[in-house]
C-alpha cells in the first residue's frame, strides 16, 4: 500500500505528466484543469490506506497509475523495479523499525528524477539484538560505505533509486544515509 501510494505521488520520471495543468478538449473529450474524477478530492495527500483493497478499488480507470508509463513504450524494467522495491522493503521491515530523521525537511528537486534536495536521513531501530544483525549483514565494519562493499540489496530503496551512501551504527540504532547523486551530510 505504501509503495503504491508513494509511486502515485512521487513518480521516478518527471516526464510523465499526471495532471492537466490547463483545461483541454481532445477530440470532444473535455479534460478540465485539476479534475478530481480519477483520484478524488484528496489527490495531493499521502493516503496509503486507499490501496488496501488493491489497485482496482482505488481509481476509476485501470491505467491511472502512470509510474512506469503504459503501452508499447512503457518501462521495460517495471516488473523488476517493483520486485526489487518489495524485496528491499521486506528485508528492511523484518529487521528494523524506521522513521525519517527529525532534521529532514521535505523539499524535492527534479533533476531527471524526483529526489530529496538535501538527501533523506532515515533512522532505523533494530528489532532484534544488535549483535546478531550486525554479524549477519555487516561482519567486519560498524560503518559501511558503498565503496567498501555494502550489500547490493540495500543500495537502492524503491523505484526512485534513492542511493544508499552509508550506514552508521550509533547507540543501538542503525542510521541510513540516503541520497540520490550526492552525499548527505
C-alpha atoms as a PDB file:
ATOM      1  CA  UNK A   1       0.000   0.000   0.000  1.00  0.00           C
ATOM      2  CA  UNK A   2       2.733   2.459   0.986  1.00  0.00           C
ATOM      3  CA  UNK A   3       4.781   1.592  -2.097  1.00  0.00           C
ATOM      4  CA  UNK A   4       1.882   2.177  -4.499  1.00  0.00           C
ATOM      5  CA  UNK A   5       0.896   5.422  -2.798  1.00  0.00           C
ATOM      6  CA  UNK A   6       4.493   6.644  -2.953  1.00  0.00           C
ATOM      7  CA  UNK A   7       4.621   5.793  -6.651  1.00  0.00           C
ATOM      8  CA  UNK A   8       1.324   7.592  -7.212  1.00  0.00           C
ATOM      9  CA  UNK A   9       2.510  10.808  -5.566  1.00  0.00           C
ATOM     10  CA  UNK A  10       6.213  10.760  -6.432  1.00  0.00           C
ATOM     11  CA  UNK A  11       6.921   9.005  -9.698  1.00  0.00           C
ATOM     12  CA  UNK A  12      10.561   8.490 -10.565  1.00  0.00           C
ATOM     13  CA  UNK A  13      10.394  10.012 -14.034  1.00  0.00           C
ATOM     14  CA  UNK A  14       9.042  13.533 -14.229  1.00  0.00           C
ATOM     15  CA  UNK A  15       8.450  13.493 -17.963  1.00  0.00           C
ATOM     16  CA  UNK A  16       5.106  11.759 -17.468  1.00  0.00           C
ATOM     17  CA  UNK A  17       2.515  14.482 -16.943  1.00  0.00           C
ATOM     18  CA  UNK A  18      -0.072  13.262 -14.448  1.00  0.00           C
ATOM     19  CA  UNK A  19      -2.334  16.264 -14.129  1.00  0.00           C
ATOM     20  CA  UNK A  20      -3.910  18.639 -16.600  1.00  0.00           C
ATOM     21  CA  UNK A  21      -2.231  21.981 -15.975  1.00  0.00           C
ATOM     22  CA  UNK A  22      -4.822  23.695 -18.147  1.00  0.00           C
ATOM     23  CA  UNK A  23      -8.235  22.732 -19.442  1.00  0.00           C
ATOM     24  CA  UNK A  24      -8.181  20.877 -22.762  1.00  0.00           C
ATOM     25  CA  UNK A  25     -10.502  19.370 -25.344  1.00  0.00           C
ATOM     26  CA  UNK A  26      -9.178  16.270 -27.111  1.00  0.00           C
ATOM     27  CA  UNK A  27     -11.460  15.348 -29.986  1.00  0.00           C
ATOM     28  CA  UNK A  28     -14.569  16.080 -27.961  1.00  0.00           C
ATOM     29  CA  UNK A  29     -13.281  14.690 -24.658  1.00  0.00           C
ATOM     30  CA  UNK A  30     -13.040  17.512 -22.138  1.00  0.00           C
ATOM     31  CA  UNK A  31     -10.178  17.470 -19.641  1.00  0.00           C
ATOM     32  CA  UNK A  32     -10.736  20.175 -17.021  1.00  0.00           C
ATOM     33  CA  UNK A  33      -7.797  21.565 -15.092  1.00  0.00           C
ATOM     34  CA  UNK A  34      -7.385  19.878 -11.700  1.00  0.00           C
ATOM     35  CA  UNK A  35     -10.068  17.246 -12.361  1.00  0.00           C
ATOM     36  CA  UNK A  36     -10.724  15.102  -9.278  1.00  0.00           C
ATOM     37  CA  UNK A  37     -12.684  12.358 -11.037  1.00  0.00           C
ATOM     38  CA  UNK A  38      -9.863   9.776 -11.110  1.00  0.00           C
ATOM     39  CA  UNK A  39      -8.125  10.095  -7.714  1.00  0.00           C
ATOM     40  CA  UNK A  40     -10.657  12.075  -5.690  1.00  0.00           C
ATOM     41  CA  UNK A  41     -10.569  15.324  -3.749  1.00  0.00           C
ATOM     42  CA  UNK A  42      -7.534  14.370  -1.641  1.00  0.00           C
ATOM     43  CA  UNK A  43      -5.308  13.671  -4.632  1.00  0.00           C
ATOM     44  CA  UNK A  44      -2.358  15.591  -3.162  1.00  0.00           C
ATOM     45  CA  UNK A  45      -2.469  13.888   0.251  1.00  0.00           C
ATOM     46  CA  UNK A  46      -0.420  10.818   1.186  1.00  0.00           C
ATOM     47  CA  UNK A  47      -3.007   8.129   1.959  1.00  0.00           C
ATOM     48  CA  UNK A  48      -1.688   4.566   1.538  1.00  0.00           C
ATOM     49  CA  UNK A  49      -4.862   3.061   3.016  1.00  0.00           C
ATOM     50  CA  UNK A  50      -6.692   3.740  -0.225  1.00  0.00           C
ATOM     51  CA  UNK A  51      -4.775   0.785  -1.720  1.00  0.00           C
ATOM     52  CA  UNK A  52      -5.796  -1.709   0.993  1.00  0.00           C
ATOM     53  CA  UNK A  53      -8.308  -3.429  -1.307  1.00  0.00           C
ATOM     54  CA  UNK A  54      -5.998  -3.425  -4.305  1.00  0.00           C
ATOM     55  CA  UNK A  55      -5.356  -1.123  -7.225  1.00  0.00           C
ATOM     56  CA  UNK A  56      -8.692  -1.832  -8.895  1.00  0.00           C
ATOM     57  CA  UNK A  57     -10.649  -0.361  -5.988  1.00  0.00           C
ATOM     58  CA  UNK A  58      -8.670   2.881  -5.823  1.00  0.00           C
ATOM     59  CA  UNK A  59      -9.027   4.535  -9.193  1.00  0.00           C
ATOM     60  CA  UNK A  60     -11.899   4.704 -11.637  1.00  0.00           C
ATOM     61  CA  UNK A  61      -9.715   3.564 -14.546  1.00  0.00           C
ATOM     62  CA  UNK A  62      -7.240   0.641 -14.514  1.00  0.00           C
ATOM     63  CA  UNK A  63      -4.470   2.683 -16.160  1.00  0.00           C
ATOM     64  CA  UNK A  64      -4.350   5.614 -13.764  1.00  0.00           C
ATOM     65  CA  UNK A  65      -1.084   4.717 -12.008  1.00  0.00           C
ATOM     66  CA  UNK A  66       1.351   6.061 -14.607  1.00  0.00           C
ATOM     67  CA  UNK A  67       4.605   5.493 -12.733  1.00  0.00           C
ATOM     68  CA  UNK A  68       6.090   3.301 -15.452  1.00  0.00           C
ATOM     69  CA  UNK A  69       4.007   4.673 -18.345  1.00  0.00           C
ATOM     70  CA  UNK A  70       1.735   2.470 -20.456  1.00  0.00           C
ATOM     71  CA  UNK A  71       1.578   0.744 -23.797  1.00  0.00           C
ATOM     72  CA  UNK A  72       4.400  -0.288 -26.116  1.00  0.00           C
ATOM     73  CA  UNK A  73       6.768   2.354 -24.722  1.00  0.00           C
ATOM     74  CA  UNK A  74       6.238   1.556 -21.057  1.00  0.00           C
ATOM     75  CA  UNK A  75       9.221   0.882 -18.823  1.00  0.00           C
ATOM     76  CA  UNK A  76      10.855  -2.420 -19.699  1.00  0.00           C
ATOM     77  CA  UNK A  77      12.098  -2.769 -16.124  1.00  0.00           C
ATOM     78  CA  UNK A  78       8.728  -2.226 -14.412  1.00  0.00           C
ATOM     79  CA  UNK A  79       8.353  -5.748 -13.051  1.00  0.00           C
ATOM     80  CA  UNK A  80      11.983  -5.879 -11.919  1.00  0.00           C
ATOM     81  CA  UNK A  81      11.755  -2.465 -10.236  1.00  0.00           C
ATOM     82  CA  UNK A  82       8.618  -3.462  -8.331  1.00  0.00           C
ATOM     83  CA  UNK A  83      10.147  -6.790  -7.316  1.00  0.00           C
ATOM     84  CA  UNK A  84      13.335  -5.063  -6.144  1.00  0.00           C
ATOM     85  CA  UNK A  85      11.382  -2.442  -4.199  1.00  0.00           C
ATOM     86  CA  UNK A  86       9.191  -5.039  -2.475  1.00  0.00           C
ATOM     87  CA  UNK A  87      12.149  -7.292  -1.663  1.00  0.00           C
ATOM     88  CA  UNK A  88      14.158  -4.379  -0.262  1.00  0.00           C
ATOM     89  CA  UNK A  89      11.248  -3.200   1.869  1.00  0.00           C
ATOM     90  CA  UNK A  90      10.684  -6.749   3.130  1.00  0.00           C
ATOM     91  CA  UNK A  91      14.369  -7.095   4.081  1.00  0.00           C
ATOM     92  CA  UNK A  92      14.389  -3.790   5.932  1.00  0.00           C
ATOM     93  CA  UNK A  93      10.994  -4.160   7.639  1.00  0.00           C
ATOM     94  CA  UNK A  94      11.660  -7.627   9.003  1.00  0.00           C
ATOM     95  CA  UNK A  95      14.750  -6.389  10.874  1.00  0.00           C
ATOM     96  CA  UNK A  96      14.193  -2.708  11.561  1.00  0.00           C
ATOM     97  CA  UNK A  97      11.616  -0.155  12.624  1.00  0.00           C
ATOM     98  CA  UNK A  98      12.344   3.078  10.816  1.00  0.00           C
ATOM     99  CA  UNK A  99      11.390   6.713  10.715  1.00  0.00           C
ATOM    100  CA  UNK A 100      12.558   9.801   8.920  1.00  0.00           C
ATOM    101  CA  UNK A 101      15.179  11.654  10.960  1.00  0.00           C
ATOM    102  CA  UNK A 102      13.875  14.755  12.772  1.00  0.00           C
ATOM    103  CA  UNK A 103      16.184  17.087  10.838  1.00  0.00           C
ATOM    104  CA  UNK A 104      14.666  16.100   7.464  1.00  0.00           C
ATOM    105  CA  UNK A 105      12.950  18.899   5.571  1.00  0.00           C
ATOM    106  CA  UNK A 106      10.620  17.781   2.786  1.00  0.00           C
ATOM    107  CA  UNK A 107      11.937  19.625  -0.261  1.00  0.00           C
ATOM    108  CA  UNK A 108      12.051  17.828  -3.593  1.00  0.00           C
ATOM    109  CA  UNK A 109      14.002  18.769  -6.706  1.00  0.00           C
ATOM    110  CA  UNK A 110      13.684  17.424 -10.195  1.00  0.00           C
ATOM    111  CA  UNK A 111      16.963  16.539 -11.807  1.00  0.00           C
ATOM    112  CA  UNK A 112      15.894  13.936 -14.377  1.00  0.00           C
ATOM    113  CA  UNK A 113      14.259  12.102 -11.471  1.00  0.00           C
ATOM    114  CA  UNK A 114      12.447  13.376  -8.405  1.00  0.00           C
ATOM    115  CA  UNK A 115      14.734  13.394  -5.365  1.00  0.00           C
ATOM    116  CA  UNK A 116      15.133  14.999  -1.938  1.00  0.00           C
ATOM    117  CA  UNK A 117      17.123  18.221  -2.273  1.00  0.00           C
ATOM    118  CA  UNK A 118      19.284  17.557   0.801  1.00  0.00           C
ATOM    119  CA  UNK A 119      19.076  13.775   0.982  1.00  0.00           C
ATOM    120  CA  UNK A 120      16.791  11.637   3.087  1.00  0.00           C
ATOM    121  CA  UNK A 121      18.164  10.744   6.523  1.00  0.00           C
ATOM    122  CA  UNK A 122      16.357   7.708   7.941  1.00  0.00           C
ATOM    123  CA  UNK A 123      16.858   6.296  11.432  1.00  0.00           C
ATOM    124  CA  UNK A 124      16.454   2.541  11.770  1.00  0.00           C
ATOM    125  CA  UNK A 125      15.946   0.849  15.126  1.00  0.00           C
ATOM    126  CA  UNK A 126      16.945  -2.793  15.331  1.00  0.00           C
ATOM    127  CA  UNK A 127      14.077  -5.151  16.115  1.00  0.00           C
ATOM    128  CA  UNK A 128      16.447  -7.927  17.246  1.00  0.00           C
ATOM    129  CA  UNK A 129      19.599  -7.834  19.375  1.00  0.00           C
ATOM    130  CA  UNK A 130      22.208  -5.671  17.679  1.00  0.00           C
ATOM    131  CA  UNK A 131      24.992  -8.269  17.631  1.00  0.00           C
ATOM    132  CA  UNK A 132      23.078 -10.795  15.535  1.00  0.00           C
ATOM    133  CA  UNK A 133      22.043  -8.210  12.964  1.00  0.00           C
ATOM    134  CA  UNK A 134      25.467  -6.639  12.600  1.00  0.00           C
ATOM    135  CA  UNK A 135      27.223 -10.006  12.327  1.00  0.00           C
ATOM    136  CA  UNK A 136      24.708 -11.170   9.748  1.00  0.00           C
ATOM    137  CA  UNK A 137      24.692  -8.105   7.500  1.00  0.00           C
ATOM    138  CA  UNK A 138      27.936  -6.309   8.260  1.00  0.00           C
ATOM    139  CA  UNK A 139      30.509  -8.793   9.557  1.00  0.00           C
ATOM    140  CA  UNK A 140      33.577  -6.516   9.564  1.00  0.00           C
ATOM    141  CA  UNK A 141      32.592  -2.874   9.938  1.00  0.00           C
ATOM    142  CA  UNK A 142      30.210  -0.837  12.025  1.00  0.00           C
ATOM    143  CA  UNK A 143      30.297   1.845   9.361  1.00  0.00           C
ATOM    144  CA  UNK A 144      29.935   0.897   5.720  1.00  0.00           C
ATOM    145  CA  UNK A 145      30.077   2.857   2.536  1.00  0.00           C
ATOM    146  CA  UNK A 146      29.211   1.647  -0.959  1.00  0.00           C
ATOM    147  CA  UNK A 147      32.898   1.609  -1.886  1.00  0.00           C
ATOM    148  CA  UNK A 148      33.533  -0.827   0.995  1.00  0.00           C
ATOM    149  CA  UNK A 149      31.096  -3.412  -0.319  1.00  0.00           C
ATOM    150  CA  UNK A 150      27.674  -2.532   1.046  1.00  0.00           C
ATOM    151  CA  UNK A 151      25.217  -5.313   0.130  1.00  0.00           C
ATOM    152  CA  UNK A 152      23.605  -4.583  -3.236  1.00  0.00           C
ATOM    153  CA  UNK A 153      20.113  -5.285  -1.888  1.00  0.00           C
ATOM    154  CA  UNK A 154      20.339  -2.090   0.135  1.00  0.00           C
ATOM    155  CA  UNK A 155      21.888   0.169  -2.496  1.00  0.00           C
ATOM    156  CA  UNK A 156      18.536   1.323  -3.745  1.00  0.00           C
ATOM    157  CA  UNK A 157      15.307   1.825  -1.893  1.00  0.00           C
ATOM    158  CA  UNK A 158      12.275   1.826  -4.128  1.00  0.00           C
ATOM    159  CA  UNK A 159      11.775   2.594  -7.767  1.00  0.00           C
ATOM    160  CA  UNK A 160      13.091   6.139  -7.452  1.00  0.00           C
ATOM    161  CA  UNK A 161      16.563   4.677  -6.944  1.00  0.00           C
ATOM    162  CA  UNK A 162      17.492   6.686  -3.919  1.00  0.00           C
ATOM    163  CA  UNK A 163      21.117   5.721  -3.392  1.00  0.00           C
ATOM    164  CA  UNK A 164      22.335   4.458  -0.055  1.00  0.00           C
ATOM    165  CA  UNK A 165      25.623   6.206   0.676  1.00  0.00           C
ATOM    166  CA  UNK A 166      26.326   4.861   4.108  1.00  0.00           C
ATOM    167  CA  UNK A 167      25.250   3.250   7.348  1.00  0.00           C
ATOM    168  CA  UNK A 168      26.257   4.324  10.823  1.00  0.00           C
ATOM    169  CA  UNK A 169      25.662   2.209  13.936  1.00  0.00           C
ATOM    170  CA  UNK A 170      25.299   4.516  16.917  1.00  0.00           C
ATOM    171  CA  UNK A 171      23.733   3.992  20.352  1.00  0.00           C
ATOM    172  CA  UNK A 172      21.850   0.834  19.363  1.00  0.00           C
ATOM    173  CA  UNK A 173      20.455   2.384  16.189  1.00  0.00           C
ATOM    174  CA  UNK A 174      21.424   1.931  12.575  1.00  0.00           C
ATOM    175  CA  UNK A 175      21.303   5.216  10.678  1.00  0.00           C
ATOM    176  CA  UNK A 176      20.971   5.122   6.892  1.00  0.00           C
ATOM    177  CA  UNK A 177      22.461   7.947   4.869  1.00  0.00           C
ATOM    178  CA  UNK A 178      20.333   8.165   1.744  1.00  0.00           C
ATOM    179  CA  UNK A 179      20.716  10.414  -1.256  1.00  0.00           C
ATOM    180  CA  UNK A 180      20.458  10.442  -4.996  1.00  0.00           C
ATOM    181  CA  UNK A 181      23.515  11.575  -6.832  1.00  0.00           C
ATOM    182  CA  UNK A 182      25.334  13.334  -3.991  1.00  0.00           C
ATOM    183  CA  UNK A 183      26.367  12.743  -0.403  1.00  0.00           C
ATOM    184  CA  UNK A 184      24.108  13.678   2.503  1.00  0.00           C
ATOM    185  CA  UNK A 185      25.911  15.315   5.382  1.00  0.00           C
END
